[in-house]
C-alpha atoms as a PDB file:
ATOM      1  CA  MET A   1      -3.136 -16.841   0.246  1.00  0.00           C
ATOM      2  CA  ALA A   2       0.067 -17.531   2.095  1.00  0.00           C
ATOM      3  CA  GLU A   3      -0.151 -18.844   5.637  1.00  0.00           C
ATOM      4  CA  LYS A   4       3.050 -17.006   6.545  1.00  0.00           C
ATOM      5  CA  LEU A   5       5.707 -14.772   5.118  1.00  0.00           C
ATOM      6  CA  GLU A   6       7.964 -16.368   2.552  1.00  0.00           C
ATOM      7  CA  GLN A   7      11.645 -15.686   3.120  1.00  0.00           C
ATOM      8  CA  TYR A   8      14.471 -15.857   0.586  1.00  0.00           C
ATOM      9  CA  ARG A   9      18.011 -15.505   1.917  1.00  0.00           C
ATOM     10  CA  GLY A  10      20.774 -14.170  -0.286  1.00  0.00           C
ATOM     11  CA  THR A  11      24.414 -13.520   0.445  1.00  0.00           C
ATOM     12  CA  ARG A  12      23.900  -9.830   1.198  1.00  0.00           C
ATOM     13  CA  VAL A  13      20.146  -9.334   1.461  1.00  0.00           C
ATOM     14  CA  THR A  14      17.104 -11.315   2.587  1.00  0.00           C
ATOM     15  CA  VAL A  15      13.844 -10.699   0.733  1.00  0.00           C
ATOM     16  CA  ARG A  16      10.484 -11.422   2.342  1.00  0.00           C
ATOM     17  CA  PHE A  17       7.204 -11.829   0.485  1.00  0.00           C
ATOM     18  CA  ASP A  18       3.663 -11.579   1.875  1.00  0.00           C
ATOM     19  CA  ALA A  19       1.308 -13.008  -0.762  1.00  0.00           C
ATOM     20  CA  CYS A  20      -1.720 -11.720   1.163  1.00  0.00           C
ATOM     21  CA  ARG A  21      -0.723  -8.149   0.311  1.00  0.00           C
ATOM     22  CA  CYS A  22       0.528  -8.654  -3.213  1.00  0.00           C
ATOM     23  CA  ILE A  23      -1.484  -7.190  -6.092  1.00  0.00           C
ATOM     24  CA  HIS A  24       1.080  -6.730  -8.876  1.00  0.00           C
ATOM     25  CA  SER A  25       3.679  -9.523  -8.794  1.00  0.00           C
ATOM     26  CA  ARG A  26       3.935  -9.236 -12.568  1.00  0.00           C
ATOM     27  CA  ASN A  27       5.640  -5.879 -12.087  1.00  0.00           C
ATOM     28  CA  CYS A  28       8.414  -7.570 -10.108  1.00  0.00           C
ATOM     29  CA  VAL A  29       8.949 -10.142 -12.843  1.00  0.00           C
ATOM     30  CA  LEU A  30       9.135  -7.422 -15.469  1.00  0.00           C
ATOM     31  CA  GLY A  31      11.489  -5.423 -13.258  1.00  0.00           C
ATOM     32  CA  ASP A  32      14.086  -8.194 -13.291  1.00  0.00           C
ATOM     33  CA  PRO A  33      13.140 -11.753 -14.291  1.00  0.00           C
ATOM     34  CA  ARG A  34      16.489 -12.997 -12.991  1.00  0.00           C
ATOM     35  CA  VAL A  35      15.509 -12.037  -9.441  1.00  0.00           C
ATOM     36  CA  PHE A  36      11.772 -12.737  -9.697  1.00  0.00           C
ATOM     37  CA  VAL A  37      11.444 -15.932 -11.688  1.00  0.00           C
ATOM     38  CA  PRO A  38       7.905 -16.847 -12.795  1.00  0.00           C
ATOM     39  CA  ASN A  39       6.414 -20.332 -13.094  1.00  0.00           C
ATOM     40  CA  VAL A  40       9.131 -22.307 -11.342  1.00  0.00           C
ATOM     41  CA  SER A  41       8.983 -25.075  -8.805  1.00  0.00           C
ATOM     42  CA  GLY A  42      10.892 -24.069  -5.722  1.00  0.00           C
ATOM     43  CA  PRO A  43      12.180 -20.607  -4.751  1.00  0.00           C
ATOM     44  CA  TRP A  44      10.932 -17.950  -7.159  1.00  0.00           C
ATOM     45  CA  ILE A  45      12.912 -15.066  -5.649  1.00  0.00           C
ATOM     46  CA  GLN A  46      16.680 -15.164  -6.178  1.00  0.00           C
ATOM     47  CA  PRO A  47      18.313 -12.315  -4.195  1.00  0.00           C
ATOM     48  CA  ASP A  48      21.794 -13.124  -5.521  1.00  0.00           C
ATOM     49  CA  ALA A  49      20.797 -13.018  -9.192  1.00  0.00           C
ATOM     50  CA  ALA A  50      21.436  -9.266  -9.451  1.00  0.00           C
ATOM     51  CA  ALA A  51      23.441  -6.584  -7.667  1.00  0.00           C
ATOM     52  CA  THR A  52      22.222  -5.995  -4.127  1.00  0.00           C
ATOM     53  CA  GLU A  53      21.342  -2.370  -4.809  1.00  0.00           C
ATOM     54  CA  ARG A  54      19.213  -3.466  -7.766  1.00  0.00           C
ATOM     55  CA  VAL A  55      17.353  -5.966  -5.586  1.00  0.00           C
ATOM     56  CA  VAL A  56      16.760  -3.275  -2.966  1.00  0.00           C
ATOM     57  CA  GLU A  57      15.509  -0.893  -5.645  1.00  0.00           C
ATOM     58  CA  LEU A  58      13.009  -3.462  -6.921  1.00  0.00           C
ATOM     59  CA  VAL A  59      11.720  -4.260  -3.440  1.00  0.00           C
ATOM     60  CA  GLN A  60      11.269  -0.595  -2.561  1.00  0.00           C
ATOM     61  CA  ALA A  61       9.268  -0.113  -5.756  1.00  0.00           C
ATOM     62  CA  CYS A  62       6.622  -2.537  -4.461  1.00  0.00           C
ATOM     63  CA  PRO A  63       3.686  -0.247  -3.566  1.00  0.00           C
ATOM     64  CA  SER A  64       1.743  -2.815  -1.545  1.00  0.00           C
ATOM     65  CA  GLY A  65       4.511  -3.633   0.915  1.00  0.00           C
ATOM     66  CA  ALA A  66       4.222  -7.302  -0.014  1.00  0.00           C
ATOM     67  CA  LEU A  67       7.972  -7.228  -0.551  1.00  0.00           C
ATOM     68  CA  THR A  68      10.344  -6.180   2.213  1.00  0.00           C
ATOM     69  CA  TYR A  69      14.029  -6.759   2.736  1.00  0.00           C
ATOM     70  CA  GLU A  70      16.740  -6.982   5.356  1.00  0.00           C
ATOM     71  CA  ARG A  71      20.351  -6.167   4.585  1.00  0.00           C
ATOM     72  CA  THR A  72      22.772  -8.781   5.945  1.00  0.00           C
ATOM     73  CA  ASP A  73      25.912  -7.006   4.722  1.00  0.00           C
ATOM     74  CA  GLY A  74      25.850  -4.285   7.362  1.00  0.00           C
ATOM     75  CA  ALA A  75      24.270  -1.639   5.125  1.00  0.00           C
ATOM     76  CA  ALA A  76      21.239   0.332   6.270  1.00  0.00           C
ATOM     77  CA  GLY A  77      17.785  -0.992   5.492  1.00  0.00           C
ATOM     78  CA  GLU A  78      14.791   0.869   4.130  1.00  0.00           C
ATOM     79  CA  GLY A  79      13.805   3.945   6.100  1.00  0.00           C
ATOM     80  CA  PRO A  80      10.685   6.119   6.169  1.00  0.00           C
ATOM     81  CA  PRO A  81      10.208   8.533   3.275  1.00  0.00           C
ATOM     82  CA  VAL A  82      11.108  12.198   3.518  1.00  0.00           C
ATOM     83  CA  VAL A  83       7.550  13.035   2.431  1.00  0.00           C
ATOM     84  CA  ASN A  84       4.573  10.910   3.498  1.00  0.00           C
ATOM     85  CA  SER A  85       2.135  10.329   0.658  1.00  0.00           C
ATOM     86  CA  VAL A  86      -1.001   8.526  -0.420  1.00  0.00           C
ATOM     87  CA  ARG A  87      -1.322   8.136  -4.174  1.00  0.00           C
ATOM     88  CA  VAL A  88      -4.808   7.795  -5.668  1.00  0.00           C
ATOM     89  CA  TRP A  89      -4.689   5.164  -8.398  1.00  0.00           C
ATOM     90  CA  GLU A  90      -6.994   5.423 -11.405  1.00  0.00           C
ATOM     91  CA  ASN A  91      -9.781   2.839 -10.957  1.00  0.00           C
ATOM     92  CA  GLY A  92      -7.747   1.289  -8.153  1.00  0.00           C
ATOM     93  CA  PRO A  93      -6.558   1.470  -4.559  1.00  0.00           C
ATOM     94  CA  LEU A  94      -4.880   4.013  -2.327  1.00  0.00           C
ATOM     95  CA  ALA A  95      -1.110   3.541  -2.192  1.00  0.00           C
ATOM     96  CA  LEU A  96       0.407   4.791   1.064  1.00  0.00           C
ATOM     97  CA  HIS A  97       4.097   5.454   1.653  1.00  0.00           C
ATOM     98  CA  ALA A  98       4.933   6.524   5.179  1.00  0.00           C
ATOM     99  CA  GLU A  99       5.878   5.185   8.596  1.00  0.00           C
ATOM    100  CA  LEU A 100       2.546   3.412   8.879  1.00  0.00           C
ATOM    101  CA  HIS A 101       1.139   2.224  12.200  1.00  0.00           C
ATOM    102  CA  LEU A 102      -1.639  -0.203  11.395  1.00  0.00           C
ATOM    103  CA  ALA A 103      -4.614  -1.173  13.513  1.00  0.00           C
ATOM    104  CA  ASP A 104      -3.427  -4.784  13.842  1.00  0.00           C
ATOM    105  CA  GLY A 105      -0.428  -3.542  15.809  1.00  0.00           C
ATOM    106  CA  THR A 106       2.101  -3.909  13.014  1.00  0.00           C
ATOM    107  CA  THR A 107       4.066  -1.268  11.169  1.00  0.00           C
ATOM    108  CA  ALA A 108       4.870  -0.913   7.480  1.00  0.00           C
ATOM    109  CA  LEU A 109       6.380   1.592   5.085  1.00  0.00           C
ATOM    110  CA  ARG A 110       4.172   0.812   2.098  1.00  0.00           C
ATOM    111  CA  ALA A 111       0.599  -0.442   1.687  1.00  0.00           C
ATOM    112  CA  THR A 112      -2.168  -0.464  -0.910  1.00  0.00           C
ATOM    113  CA  LEU A 113      -5.576  -0.100   0.692  1.00  0.00           C
ATOM    114  CA  CYS A 114      -8.920  -0.955  -0.902  1.00  0.00           C
ATOM    115  CA  ARG A 115     -11.185   1.880  -1.998  1.00  0.00           C
ATOM    116  CA  CYS A 116     -13.587  -0.130  -4.205  1.00  0.00           C
ATOM    117  CA  GLY A 117     -15.290  -1.950  -1.327  1.00  0.00           C
ATOM    118  CA  ALA A 118     -14.928  -5.363  -2.973  1.00  0.00           C
ATOM    119  CA  SER A 119     -11.651  -6.660  -1.532  1.00  0.00           C
ATOM    120  CA  LYS A 120     -11.911  -9.914   0.398  1.00  0.00           C
ATOM    121  CA  HIS A 121      -8.872  -8.894   2.414  1.00  0.00           C
ATOM    122  CA  LYS A 122      -9.996  -5.470   3.651  1.00  0.00           C
ATOM    123  CA  PRO A 123      -8.562  -3.016   4.358  1.00  0.00           C
ATOM    124  CA  PHE A 124      -5.871  -4.181   1.926  1.00  0.00           C
ATOM    125  CA  CYS A 125      -6.393  -4.257  -1.821  1.00  0.00           C
ATOM    126  CA  ASP A 126      -6.518  -7.746  -3.333  1.00  0.00           C
ATOM    127  CA  GLY A 127      -7.106  -6.720  -6.942  1.00  0.00           C
ATOM    128  CA  SER A 128     -10.903  -7.140  -6.767  1.00  0.00           C
ATOM    129  CA  HIS A 129     -11.419  -3.668  -8.252  1.00  0.00           C
ATOM    130  CA  SER A 130     -10.672  -5.082 -11.696  1.00  0.00           C
ATOM    131  CA  ALA A 131     -13.280  -7.857 -11.542  1.00  0.00           C
ATOM    132  CA  ALA A 132     -15.795  -5.505  -9.914  1.00  0.00           C
ATOM    133  CA  GLY A 133     -15.433  -2.956 -12.711  1.00  0.00           C
ATOM    134  CA  PHE A 134     -14.653  -0.228 -10.209  1.00  0.00           C
ATOM    135  CA  THR A 135     -14.219   3.185 -11.777  1.00  0.00           C
ATOM    136  CA  ALA A 136     -12.858   6.224  -9.978  1.00  0.00           C
ATOM    137  CA  THR A 137     -10.577   8.925 -11.212  1.00  0.00           C
ATOM    138  CA  GLY A 138      -6.979   9.085 -10.160  1.00  0.00           C
ATOM    139  CA  GLU A 139      -7.055  12.808 -10.895  1.00  0.00           C
ATOM    140  CA  PRO A 140      -9.611  14.349  -8.508  1.00  0.00           C
ATOM    141  CA  ALA A 141      -9.672  18.103  -8.041  1.00  0.00           C
ATOM    142  CA  SER A 142      -6.997  19.670  -5.882  1.00  0.00           C
ATOM    143  CA  ARG A 143      -7.950  21.449  -2.671  1.00  0.00           C
ATOM    144  CA  ASP A 144      -6.421  24.591  -1.280  1.00  0.00           C
ATOM    145  CA  SER A 145      -4.003  23.560   1.445  1.00  0.00           C
ATOM    146  CA  GLN A 146      -1.024  25.004   3.211  1.00  0.00           C
ATOM    147  CA  PRO A 147       2.401  23.359   3.333  1.00  0.00           C
ATOM    148  CA  LEU A 148       2.732  21.120   6.378  1.00  0.00           C
ATOM    149  CA  ALA A 149       5.120  22.119   9.145  1.00  0.00           C
ATOM    150  CA  ALA A 150       6.546  18.599   8.877  1.00  0.00           C
ATOM    151  CA  ARG A 151       6.118  16.282   5.916  1.00  0.00           C
ATOM    152  CA  ASN A 152       7.152  13.016   7.539  1.00  0.00           C
ATOM    153  CA  GLY A 153       6.570  11.196  10.829  1.00  0.00           C
ATOM    154  CA  ALA A 154       4.283   8.413  11.991  1.00  0.00           C
ATOM    155  CA  VAL A 155       0.892   7.896  10.313  1.00  0.00           C
ATOM    156  CA  THR A 156      -1.822   5.805  11.941  1.00  0.00           C
ATOM    157  CA  VAL A 157      -4.344   3.970   9.762  1.00  0.00           C
ATOM    158  CA  THR A 158      -7.606   2.879  11.380  1.00  0.00           C
ATOM    159  CA  PRO A 159     -10.412   1.281   9.333  1.00  0.00           C
ATOM    160  CA  ARG A 160     -13.693   2.332  10.921  1.00  0.00           C
ATOM    161  CA  PHE A 161     -16.294  -0.391  11.418  1.00  0.00           C
ATOM    162  CA  ASP A 162     -18.572  -0.334   8.328  1.00  0.00           C
ATOM    163  CA  GLY A 163     -16.975   2.988   7.459  1.00  0.00           C
ATOM    164  CA  PRO A 164     -13.976   4.849   6.041  1.00  0.00           C
ATOM    165  CA  LEU A 165     -10.253   4.764   6.616  1.00  0.00           C
ATOM    166  CA  HIS A 166      -9.344   7.185   9.393  1.00  0.00           C
ATOM    167  CA  ILE A 167      -5.803   8.426   8.841  1.00  0.00           C
ATOM    168  CA  LYS A 168      -3.870  10.636  11.255  1.00  0.00           C
ATOM    169  CA  GLY A 169      -0.446  12.092  10.606  1.00  0.00           C
ATOM    170  CA  ASN A 170       1.310  14.358   8.155  1.00  0.00           C
ATOM    171  CA  LEU A 171       0.274  13.263   4.684  1.00  0.00           C
ATOM    172  CA  GLU A 172       0.172  14.573   1.153  1.00  0.00           C
ATOM    173  CA  LEU A 173      -2.544  13.249  -1.146  1.00  0.00           C
ATOM    174  CA  VAL A 174      -1.163  12.806  -4.647  1.00  0.00           C
ATOM    175  CA  SER A 175      -2.875  12.063  -7.952  1.00  0.00           C
ATOM    176  CA  GLY A 176      -1.923   9.183 -10.199  1.00  0.00           C
ATOM    177  CA  THR A 177       0.251  11.543 -12.230  1.00  0.00           C
ATOM    178  CA  GLY A 178       1.944  13.007  -9.153  1.00  0.00           C
ATOM    179  CA  ARG A 179      -0.076  16.203  -8.752  1.00  0.00           C
ATOM    180  CA  THR A 180      -0.571  17.382  -5.169  1.00  0.00           C
ATOM    181  CA  LEU A 181      -4.248  17.104  -4.241  1.00  0.00           C
ATOM    182  CA  ASN A 182      -4.227  18.028  -0.569  1.00  0.00           C
ATOM    183  CA  ARG A 183      -2.055  18.269   2.528  1.00  0.00           C
ATOM    184  CA  VAL A 184      -3.579  16.958   5.746  1.00  0.00           C
ATOM    185  CA  SER A 185      -2.773  15.900   9.272  1.00  0.00           C
ATOM    186  CA  GLU A 186      -6.043  13.977   9.579  1.00  0.00           C
ATOM    187  CA  THR A 187      -8.496  12.699   6.990  1.00  0.00           C
ATOM    188  CA  TRP A 188     -11.211  10.124   6.317  1.00  0.00           C
ATOM    189  CA  LEU A 189     -10.912   8.304   2.995  1.00  0.00           C
ATOM    190  CA  CYS A 190     -13.667   6.326   1.295  1.00  0.00           C
ATOM    191  CA  ARG A 191     -13.414   2.544   1.254  1.00  0.00           C
ATOM    192  CA  CYS A 192     -16.998   1.640   0.286  1.00  0.00           C
ATOM    193  CA  GLY A 193     -16.360   2.638  -3.311  1.00  0.00           C
ATOM    194  CA  GLN A 194     -19.459   4.798  -3.605  1.00  0.00           C
ATOM    195  CA  SER A 195     -18.646   8.209  -2.158  1.00  0.00           C
ATOM    196  CA  GLY A 196     -19.637  11.087  -4.391  1.00  0.00           C
ATOM    197  CA  ASN A 197     -16.513  12.918  -3.252  1.00  0.00           C
ATOM    198  CA  LYS A 198     -13.770  10.319  -3.800  1.00  0.00           C
ATOM    199  CA  PRO A 199     -11.199   9.816  -2.458  1.00  0.00           C
ATOM    200  CA  TYR A 200     -12.808  11.330   0.637  1.00  0.00           C
ATOM    201  CA  CYS A 201     -15.641   9.804   2.639  1.00  0.00           C
ATOM    202  CA  ASP A 202     -18.985  11.624   2.345  1.00  0.00           C
ATOM    203  CA  GLY A 203     -21.089   9.274   4.487  1.00  0.00           C
ATOM    204  CA  THR A 204     -22.446   7.221   1.578  1.00  0.00           C
ATOM    205  CA  HIS A 205     -21.335   3.999   3.303  1.00  0.00           C
ATOM    206  CA  LYS A 206     -24.295   4.408   5.664  1.00  0.00           C
ATOM    207  CA  LYS A 207     -26.821   4.778   2.842  1.00  0.00           C
ATOM    208  CA  VAL A 208     -25.568   1.751   0.883  1.00  0.00           C
ATOM    209  CA  GLY A 209     -25.179  -0.525   3.904  1.00  0.00           C
ATOM    210  CA  PHE A 210     -21.440  -1.019   3.514  1.00  0.00           C
ATOM    211  CA  ARG A 211     -20.080  -3.767   5.742  1.00  0.00           C
ATOM    212  CA  ALA A 212     -16.465  -4.163   6.788  1.00  0.00           C
ATOM    213  CA  ASP A 213     -14.626  -4.987   9.958  1.00  0.00           C
ATOM    214  CA  GLY A 214     -13.252  -2.126  11.966  1.00  0.00           C
ATOM    215  CA  GLU A 215      -9.950  -3.862  12.563  1.00  0.00           C
ATOM    216  CA  MET A 216      -7.185  -4.999  10.287  1.00  0.00           C
ATOM    217  CA  PRO A 217      -6.728  -8.743   9.794  1.00  0.00           C
ATOM    218  CA  PRO A 218      -3.763 -10.082  11.756  1.00  0.00           C
ATOM    219  CA  ARG A 219      -0.638 -10.825   9.776  1.00  0.00           C
ATOM    220  CA  LYS A 220      -0.046 -14.586   9.748  1.00  0.00           C
END
């Protein structure tokens, strides 16, 4: 894992990469192998290899928030989404997109959080769900819910000690195919991997002796 953020300066945009939060770098390479160059010695991100708007588009498509950018040409940077969401991935993590206020004191716009219980970098996903053979539907049943008065705004994410993710703020839960599952202003989501009511916590973490810190690891 990286000891610090990697930074790649281009003429019009600077791209930053946090390897500790990356789970799908292959997607970047497939998105544009001129910008994200695999298996090279030296800089593997080339911000000037494509149009700036294309680079920005690729970075904003990173669900984990491992990629971020800063415009150096005077244009506006990435802003919070119009609709806060958490997408439930099939057999995988929870992908959040919102103005996220994390328990380590940092903020982010995108993050993928572990729901299999096996990540070594909790609360973030590190891809361990694949090796662990984690299975959980990305299409749970929808719940009756009313439209939120506001669909954006700050969202706080607090991993409870040996327990679930406590999330407060306007948020829409979305299935892997984009179907609305629920609309909440506060919820507790399973991160032990064994709830019988995924993606929600049902207290199973206590029965199975789930262990996890109640704070987020500091960003290095």
